Amino acid sequence: MRRRTAVILQSDMAANLQMIGNAALLDLPDKVAFLSSRRISAADVLKCYEWAEKIRDTETCVVSGFQSPLEKDVLKFLLRGRVPIILVLARSLWKTIPEELRDPVGLGRLLIVSPVSATRASVATATARNRWILANCTSLVLGSLDPGGNLAKLVASFSSLSRYMLTEEGRGIAPLVE
């Protein structure tokens, strides 16, 4: 990937999409969404960590909100590698990029996107964010999925998307069976 030193701030008024970072990441042909239900077992947390360690040195672009504590941990694993990352906020863009994200943005490995204009994240903006993620990815890896939760309902509405659950010890993924 080409090194970029300038931070790009763009706003697509038609789609209400704001971006900071390498907008070319949106054009990558294969993007994998990483989502997980809020309720997750300790065993599933470990699967997510192992998956993140495995994928962090690949060329696969990972797209997520990285909002929950688990997702934030996964982001830390990914930032230690070379994988391209699209971080999708459930609120408007930050006024200042967090310190740990500045280098990846400057290197062109990270794009921060906001498809919503709210100043604070809410259930509605998180749903809008997750819908945007699913609409812009070619596949989905789920850390866990609560069958009665909001995420399960949203994932079910994207039937054309390749969907996978992490398998034992993050060693692989298996098709999601509904």
Protein backbone atom coordinates (compact mmCIF):
# COMPACT_ATOMS: atom_id res chain seq x y z
CA MET A 1 0.00 0.00 0.00
CA ARG A 2 1.22 3.50 -0.84
CA ARG A 3 2.28 5.71 2.07
CA ARG A 4 0.12 8.79 2.49
CA THR A 5 1.16 11.55 4.79
CA ALA A 6 -1.79 13.87 4.35
CA VAL A 7 -5.06 13.20 6.11
CA ILE A 8 -7.97 13.36 3.71
CA LEU A 9 -11.25 14.82 4.96
CA GLN A 10 -14.10 14.32 2.56
CA SER A 11 -17.83 14.72 2.86
CA ASP A 12 -20.29 13.15 0.46
CA MET A 13 -23.31 15.36 1.03
CA ALA A 14 -25.64 13.14 -1.00
CA ALA A 15 -25.01 10.15 1.25
CA ASN A 16 -24.14 12.13 4.39
CA LEU A 17 -20.84 10.24 4.44
CA GLN A 18 -17.85 11.87 6.09
CA MET A 19 -14.36 10.36 5.87
CA ILE A 20 -10.87 10.85 7.24
CA GLY A 21 -8.02 8.81 5.82
CA ASN A 22 -7.44 6.69 2.75
CA ALA A 23 -10.72 6.80 0.77
CA ALA A 24 -9.23 4.31 -1.73
CA LEU A 25 -9.91 1.56 0.83
CA LEU A 26 -13.59 1.84 -0.11
CA ASP A 27 -12.67 0.65 -3.62
CA LEU A 28 -10.97 -2.56 -2.48
CA PRO A 29 -12.77 -5.54 -4.04
CA ASP A 30 -12.90 -7.71 -0.92
CA LYS A 31 -13.91 -6.23 2.38
CA VAL A 32 -14.85 -8.34 5.40
CA ALA A 33 -17.19 -6.95 8.04
CA PHE A 34 -16.50 -7.93 11.64
CA LEU A 35 -19.52 -7.70 13.92
CA SER A 36 -20.48 -9.33 17.18
CA SER A 37 -23.48 -9.35 19.48
CA ARG A 38 -23.04 -7.49 22.73
CA ARG A 39 -23.53 -10.68 24.74
CA ILE A 40 -20.53 -12.91 24.16
CA SER A 41 -19.00 -15.83 26.03
CA ALA A 42 -15.38 -15.88 27.19
CA ALA A 43 -14.69 -18.67 24.68
CA ASP A 44 -16.05 -16.51 21.84
CA VAL A 45 -13.92 -13.56 22.98
CA LEU A 46 -10.82 -15.72 22.66
CA LYS A 47 -11.93 -16.85 19.17
CA CYS A 48 -12.20 -13.19 18.13
CA TYR A 49 -8.73 -12.37 19.45
CA GLU A 50 -7.20 -15.35 17.65
CA TRP A 51 -8.99 -14.44 14.41
CA ALA A 52 -7.69 -10.86 14.67
CA GLU A 53 -4.13 -12.11 15.21
CA LYS A 54 -4.47 -14.41 12.21
CA ILE A 55 -5.87 -11.80 9.79
CA ARG A 56 -3.84 -8.77 10.88
CA ASP A 57 -0.95 -9.45 8.49
CA THR A 58 -3.09 -10.14 5.41
CA GLU A 59 -4.31 -7.81 2.66
CA THR A 60 -7.98 -8.37 3.60
CA CYS A 61 -9.70 -5.10 4.49
CA VAL A 62 -11.58 -5.34 7.80
CA VAL A 63 -14.61 -3.08 8.32
CA SER A 64 -16.24 -2.60 11.72
CA GLY A 65 -17.53 -0.06 14.18
CA PHE A 66 -14.96 -1.12 16.78
CA GLN A 67 -17.28 0.34 19.43
CA SER A 68 -17.74 -2.39 22.05
CA PRO A 69 -14.87 -3.34 24.38
CA LEU A 70 -14.36 -6.56 22.39
CA GLU A 71 -14.30 -4.70 19.06
CA LYS A 72 -11.85 -2.17 20.50
CA ASP A 73 -9.57 -5.04 21.51
CA VAL A 74 -9.84 -6.55 18.01
CA LEU A 75 -8.89 -3.15 16.56
CA LYS A 76 -5.76 -3.09 18.75
CA PHE A 77 -4.74 -6.49 17.36
CA LEU A 78 -5.38 -5.33 13.79
CA LEU A 79 -3.41 -2.10 14.25
CA ARG A 80 -0.32 -4.17 15.14
CA GLY A 81 -0.37 -5.72 11.67
CA ARG A 82 -0.61 -4.42 8.12
CA VAL A 83 -4.27 -5.14 7.32
CA PRO A 84 -6.24 -2.23 5.83
CA ILE A 85 -9.02 -1.09 8.19
CA ILE A 86 -12.23 0.89 7.77
CA LEU A 87 -13.56 2.14 11.11
CA VAL A 88 -17.23 3.14 10.82
CA LEU A 89 -18.55 5.44 13.53
CA ALA A 90 -22.11 5.48 14.85
CA ARG A 91 -21.80 9.25 15.32
CA SER A 92 -20.29 12.16 13.45
CA LEU A 93 -16.52 12.33 12.96
CA TRP A 94 -14.28 13.18 15.88
CA LYS A 95 -12.86 16.70 15.96
CA THR A 96 -9.44 15.20 16.75
CA ILE A 97 -8.20 11.79 15.62
CA PRO A 98 -7.28 9.63 18.64
CA GLU A 99 -3.52 9.30 19.10
CA GLU A 100 -3.40 5.54 18.43
CA LEU A 101 -5.11 6.05 15.04
CA ARG A 102 -2.98 8.90 13.69
CA ASP A 103 -0.12 6.80 12.31
CA PRO A 104 -2.39 4.25 10.55
CA VAL A 105 -4.36 7.13 8.98
CA GLY A 106 -1.13 8.82 7.87
CA LEU A 107 0.19 5.55 6.41
CA GLY A 108 -2.98 5.05 4.37
CA ARG A 109 -3.97 1.85 6.26
CA LEU A 110 -7.01 3.35 7.95
CA LEU A 111 -10.16 5.08 6.82
CA ILE A 112 -12.53 6.51 9.42
CA VAL A 113 -16.07 6.83 8.08
CA SER A 114 -19.24 8.33 9.51
CA PRO A 115 -22.49 7.58 7.66
CA VAL A 116 -24.55 9.44 10.30
CA SER A 117 -24.63 13.04 11.49
CA ALA A 118 -25.56 12.51 15.16
CA THR A 119 -23.16 13.89 17.76
CA ARG A 120 -23.59 10.82 20.00
CA ALA A 121 -23.96 7.13 19.27
CA SER A 122 -27.35 5.55 19.96
CA VAL A 123 -29.11 2.28 19.17
CA ALA A 124 -30.54 3.92 16.02
CA THR A 125 -27.18 5.25 14.81
CA ALA A 126 -25.44 1.94 15.63
CA THR A 127 -28.06 0.14 13.53
CA ALA A 128 -27.51 2.63 10.68
CA ARG A 129 -23.75 2.13 10.99
CA ASN A 130 -24.08 -1.68 10.92
CA ARG A 131 -26.42 -1.49 7.93
CA TRP A 132 -23.82 0.66 6.10
CA ILE A 133 -21.07 -1.84 6.99
CA LEU A 134 -23.06 -4.79 5.68
CA ALA A 135 -24.03 -2.95 2.50
CA ASN A 136 -20.38 -2.14 1.73
CA CYS A 137 -18.71 -5.50 2.41
CA THR A 138 -18.42 -8.74 0.46
CA SER A 139 -18.47 -11.01 3.52
CA LEU A 140 -19.22 -10.96 7.23
CA VAL A 141 -17.44 -12.63 10.12
CA LEU A 142 -19.45 -12.82 13.32
CA GLY A 143 -17.74 -13.16 16.67
CA SER A 144 -21.05 -14.16 18.24
CA LEU A 145 -24.69 -13.81 17.34
CA ASP A 146 -27.57 -13.58 19.81
CA PRO A 147 -30.46 -15.19 17.90
CA GLY A 148 -33.01 -12.77 19.36
CA GLY A 149 -30.87 -9.65 19.13
CA ASN A 150 -30.95 -6.65 16.83
CA LEU A 151 -27.82 -7.80 15.02
CA ALA A 152 -29.39 -11.17 14.12
CA LYS A 153 -32.38 -9.40 12.58
CA LEU A 154 -30.14 -7.05 10.61
CA VAL A 155 -27.83 -9.84 9.38
CA ALA A 156 -30.86 -11.86 8.23
CA SER A 157 -31.90 -8.98 5.99
CA PHE A 158 -28.60 -9.24 4.07
CA SER A 159 -29.12 -12.74 2.70
CA SER A 160 -26.86 -12.22 -0.34
CA LEU A 161 -23.83 -11.53 1.87
CA SER A 162 -21.46 -14.44 2.63
CA ARG A 163 -21.81 -14.89 6.38
CA TYR A 164 -19.50 -16.83 8.68
CA MET A 165 -19.13 -17.63 12.38
CA LEU A 166 -15.73 -18.06 13.98
CA THR A 167 -14.96 -21.71 14.78
CA GLU A 168 -13.07 -23.18 17.70
CA GLU A 169 -10.00 -21.19 18.72
CA GLY A 170 -10.37 -18.80 15.78
CA ARG A 171 -8.68 -21.31 13.49
CA GLY A 172 -11.21 -20.80 10.76
CA ILE A 173 -14.65 -19.72 9.84
CA ALA A 174 -17.78 -21.73 9.07
CA PRO A 175 -20.83 -20.67 7.10
CA LEU A 176 -23.57 -19.22 9.28
CA VAL A 177 -26.46 -21.66 9.50
CA GLU A 178 -29.80 -20.07 10.30
